[in-house]
C-alpha atoms as a PDB file:
ATOM      1  CA  UNK A   1      96.076  91.411  94.977  1.00  0.00           C
ATOM      2  CA  UNK A   2      93.667  93.439  92.788  1.00  0.00           C
ATOM      3  CA  UNK A   3      90.639  92.280  94.797  1.00  0.00           C
ATOM      4  CA  UNK A   4      92.343  93.264  98.044  1.00  0.00           C
ATOM      5  CA  UNK A   5      93.249  96.657  96.580  1.00  0.00           C
ATOM      6  CA  UNK A   6      89.662  97.252  95.414  1.00  0.00           C
ATOM      7  CA  UNK A   7      88.361  96.472  98.917  1.00  0.00           C
ATOM      8  CA  UNK A   8      91.110  98.696 100.346  1.00  0.00           C
ATOM      9  CA  UNK A   9      90.201 101.743  98.230  1.00  0.00           C
ATOM     10  CA  UNK A  10      86.506 101.315  99.126  1.00  0.00           C
ATOM     11  CA  UNK A  11      87.478 101.162 102.834  1.00  0.00           C
ATOM     12  CA  UNK A  12      86.238  97.579 103.245  1.00  0.00           C
ATOM     13  CA  UNK A  13      89.441  96.526 104.998  1.00  0.00           C
ATOM     14  CA  UNK A  14      91.117  97.538 108.232  1.00  0.00           C
ATOM     15  CA  UNK A  15      94.327  98.344 106.352  1.00  0.00           C
ATOM     16  CA  UNK A  16      96.024 101.731 106.087  1.00  0.00           C
ATOM     17  CA  UNK A  17      98.891 100.364 103.958  1.00  0.00           C
ATOM     18  CA  UNK A  18      99.255  97.624 101.351  1.00  0.00           C
ATOM     19  CA  UNK A  19     102.909  96.706 100.861  1.00  0.00           C
ATOM     20  CA  UNK A  20     103.655  95.098  97.495  1.00  0.00           C
ATOM     21  CA  UNK A  21     106.937  93.563  96.339  1.00  0.00           C
ATOM     22  CA  UNK A  22     108.259  91.882  93.216  1.00  0.00           C
ATOM     23  CA  UNK A  23     108.819  88.151  93.642  1.00  0.00           C
ATOM     24  CA  UNK A  24     109.852  85.958  90.707  1.00  0.00           C
ATOM     25  CA  UNK A  25     108.824  88.533  88.062  1.00  0.00           C
ATOM     26  CA  UNK A  26     105.407  89.099  89.648  1.00  0.00           C
ATOM     27  CA  UNK A  27     104.100  91.869  91.898  1.00  0.00           C
ATOM     28  CA  UNK A  28     102.570  90.311  94.999  1.00  0.00           C
ATOM     29  CA  UNK A  29     100.944  91.657  98.130  1.00  0.00           C
ATOM     30  CA  UNK A  30     103.493  91.191 100.886  1.00  0.00           C
ATOM     31  CA  UNK A  31     101.439  92.575 103.747  1.00  0.00           C
ATOM     32  CA  UNK A  32      98.429  94.639 104.687  1.00  0.00           C
ATOM     33  CA  UNK A  33      99.168  96.939 107.613  1.00  0.00           C
ATOM     34  CA  UNK A  34      96.228  97.859 109.854  1.00  0.00           C
ATOM     35  CA  UNK A  35      95.255 101.366 110.870  1.00  0.00           C
ATOM     36  CA  UNK A  36      96.468 102.374 114.317  1.00  0.00           C
ATOM     37  CA  UNK A  37      95.547 105.391 116.399  1.00  0.00           C
ATOM     38  CA  UNK A  38      98.933 106.707 117.358  1.00  0.00           C
ATOM     39  CA  UNK A  39     100.637 110.061 116.917  1.00  0.00           C
ATOM     40  CA  UNK A  40     103.596 108.304 115.296  1.00  0.00           C
ATOM     41  CA  UNK A  41     101.699 105.866 113.027  1.00  0.00           C
ATOM     42  CA  UNK A  42     103.442 106.993 109.850  1.00  0.00           C
ATOM     43  CA  UNK A  43     106.931 107.178 111.354  1.00  0.00           C
ATOM     44  CA  UNK A  44     106.425 103.686 112.808  1.00  0.00           C
ATOM     45  CA  UNK A  45     105.430 102.375 109.381  1.00  0.00           C
ATOM     46  CA  UNK A  46     108.426 104.010 107.678  1.00  0.00           C
ATOM     47  CA  UNK A  47     110.847 102.626 110.258  1.00  0.00           C
ATOM     48  CA  UNK A  48     109.574  99.085 109.758  1.00  0.00           C
ATOM     49  CA  UNK A  49     108.845  98.899 106.012  1.00  0.00           C
ATOM     50  CA  UNK A  50     110.763 101.641 104.162  1.00  0.00           C
ATOM     51  CA  UNK A  51     114.271 100.270 104.394  1.00  0.00           C
ATOM     52  CA  UNK A  52     116.836  99.271 101.746  1.00  0.00           C
ATOM     53  CA  UNK A  53     114.457  97.087  99.753  1.00  0.00           C
ATOM     54  CA  UNK A  54     112.166  98.646  97.108  1.00  0.00           C
ATOM     55  CA  UNK A  55     108.402  98.304  97.410  1.00  0.00           C
ATOM     56  CA  UNK A  56     105.140  99.682  96.133  1.00  0.00           C
ATOM     57  CA  UNK A  57     102.933 100.935  98.947  1.00  0.00           C
ATOM     58  CA  UNK A  58      99.262 101.842  98.615  1.00  0.00           C
ATOM     59  CA  UNK A  59      98.352 104.275 101.380  1.00  0.00           C
ATOM     60  CA  UNK A  60      94.889 105.246 102.629  1.00  0.00           C
ATOM     61  CA  UNK A  61      96.034 108.746 103.525  1.00  0.00           C
ATOM     62  CA  UNK A  62      94.023 111.090 105.762  1.00  0.00           C
ATOM     63  CA  UNK A  63      95.127 114.720 105.774  1.00  0.00           C
ATOM     64  CA  UNK A  64      93.989 118.306 106.330  1.00  0.00           C
ATOM     65  CA  UNK A  65      93.494 120.526 103.309  1.00  0.00           C
ATOM     66  CA  UNK A  66      95.030 123.997 103.223  1.00  0.00           C
ATOM     67  CA  UNK A  67      91.694 125.429 104.376  1.00  0.00           C
ATOM     68  CA  UNK A  68      91.476 122.999 107.324  1.00  0.00           C
ATOM     69  CA  UNK A  69      89.000 120.412 106.001  1.00  0.00           C
ATOM     70  CA  UNK A  70      89.483 116.687 106.581  1.00  0.00           C
ATOM     71  CA  UNK A  71      90.206 114.760 103.371  1.00  0.00           C
ATOM     72  CA  UNK A  72      91.634 111.436 102.256  1.00  0.00           C
ATOM     73  CA  UNK A  73      93.231 109.975  99.152  1.00  0.00           C
ATOM     74  CA  UNK A  74      94.632 106.660  98.033  1.00  0.00           C
ATOM     75  CA  UNK A  75      98.317 107.195  97.272  1.00  0.00           C
ATOM     76  CA  UNK A  76     100.669 104.829  95.469  1.00  0.00           C
ATOM     77  CA  UNK A  77     104.178 105.284  96.835  1.00  0.00           C
ATOM     78  CA  UNK A  78     106.920 103.830  94.661  1.00  0.00           C
ATOM     79  CA  UNK A  79     109.698 103.296  97.197  1.00  0.00           C
ATOM     80  CA  UNK A  80     112.969 102.731  95.338  1.00  0.00           C
ATOM     81  CA  UNK A  81     115.759 103.789  97.724  1.00  0.00           C
ATOM     82  CA  UNK A  82     119.159 104.908  96.494  1.00  0.00           C
ATOM     83  CA  UNK A  83     120.670 102.166  98.668  1.00  0.00           C
ATOM     84  CA  UNK A  84     118.877  99.378  96.754  1.00  0.00           C
ATOM     85  CA  UNK A  85     120.774  97.092  94.399  1.00  0.00           C
ATOM     86  CA  UNK A  86     120.904  98.207  90.750  1.00  0.00           C
ATOM     87  CA  UNK A  87     118.979  95.155  89.517  1.00  0.00           C
ATOM     88  CA  UNK A  88     116.180  95.826  92.036  1.00  0.00           C
ATOM     89  CA  UNK A  89     115.993  99.493  91.048  1.00  0.00           C
ATOM     90  CA  UNK A  90     115.668  98.608  87.377  1.00  0.00           C
ATOM     91  CA  UNK A  91     113.077  95.929  88.046  1.00  0.00           C
ATOM     92  CA  UNK A  92     110.872  98.224  90.149  1.00  0.00           C
ATOM     93  CA  UNK A  93     111.268 101.205  87.806  1.00  0.00           C
ATOM     94  CA  UNK A  94     110.337  99.040  84.830  1.00  0.00           C
ATOM     95  CA  UNK A  95     107.265  97.579  86.535  1.00  0.00           C
ATOM     96  CA  UNK A  96     105.916 100.824  87.998  1.00  0.00           C
ATOM     97  CA  UNK A  97     103.672 101.782  85.049  1.00  0.00           C
ATOM     98  CA  UNK A  98     102.069  98.330  84.976  1.00  0.00           C
ATOM     99  CA  UNK A  99     101.339  98.545  88.711  1.00  0.00           C
ATOM    100  CA  UNK A 100      99.877 102.045  88.325  1.00  0.00           C
ATOM    101  CA  UNK A 101      97.565 100.938  85.533  1.00  0.00           C
ATOM    102  CA  UNK A 102      96.472  97.772  87.381  1.00  0.00           C
ATOM    103  CA  UNK A 103      95.540  99.668  90.558  1.00  0.00           C
ATOM    104  CA  UNK A 104      92.572 101.679  89.331  1.00  0.00           C
ATOM    105  CA  UNK A 105      91.488 104.402  91.737  1.00  0.00           C
ATOM    106  CA  UNK A 106      94.852 105.700  92.898  1.00  0.00           C
ATOM    107  CA  UNK A 107      94.529 109.471  93.312  1.00  0.00           C
ATOM    108  CA  UNK A 108      98.229 110.296  93.532  1.00  0.00           C
ATOM    109  CA  UNK A 109     101.493 108.621  92.539  1.00  0.00           C
ATOM    110  CA  UNK A 110     104.632 109.514  94.458  1.00  0.00           C
ATOM    111  CA  UNK A 111     108.163 108.355  93.673  1.00  0.00           C
ATOM    112  CA  UNK A 112     110.536 108.325  96.616  1.00  0.00           C
ATOM    113  CA  UNK A 113     114.198 107.417  96.940  1.00  0.00           C
ATOM    114  CA  UNK A 114     114.712 108.539 100.544  1.00  0.00           C
ATOM    115  CA  UNK A 115     112.626 109.149 103.654  1.00  0.00           C
ATOM    116  CA  UNK A 116     112.443 112.917 103.057  1.00  0.00           C
ATOM    117  CA  UNK A 117     110.589 112.315  99.780  1.00  0.00           C
ATOM    118  CA  UNK A 118     108.281 109.796 101.478  1.00  0.00           C
ATOM    119  CA  UNK A 119     107.696 111.811 104.661  1.00  0.00           C
ATOM    120  CA  UNK A 120     104.343 112.795 106.096  1.00  0.00           C
ATOM    121  CA  UNK A 121     104.860 116.462 105.180  1.00  0.00           C
ATOM    122  CA  UNK A 122     105.802 115.568 101.592  1.00  0.00           C
ATOM    123  CA  UNK A 123     102.656 113.423 101.194  1.00  0.00           C
ATOM    124  CA  UNK A 124     100.406 116.106 102.676  1.00  0.00           C
ATOM    125  CA  UNK A 125     101.949 118.772 100.445  1.00  0.00           C
ATOM    126  CA  UNK A 126     101.477 116.584  97.347  1.00  0.00           C
ATOM    127  CA  UNK A 127      97.831 115.900  98.265  1.00  0.00           C
ATOM    128  CA  UNK A 128      97.136 119.604  98.661  1.00  0.00           C
ATOM    129  CA  UNK A 129      98.637 120.381  95.231  1.00  0.00           C
ATOM    130  CA  UNK A 130      96.178 118.124  93.410  1.00  0.00           C
END
């Protein structure tokens, strides 16, 4: 998983998202999601992957700065929805710091419990604050 993430942050993969889950007390890469040129690329991703199950998602995020320049950052989204089971929430919350420290090169960490906190506008706003 670390090797894939390192290639991802250096743009050596075709992925826009790396979806990671906890399986048997270990964080594993569940899926790499390719970049697509579509106006609804982020909404499509959220609809398919941000459901009732927690996940860590590394995002190669392209955005416009407040002064109109193109920029990009690698974001780590900790998706722990309110609808998740208590045991899952505790497991993901307890593992988050270890994941953050293992994934060197993440520019921004975002915690989200619902789609409003993980929305495109929320990510862009957070990127422009840093």
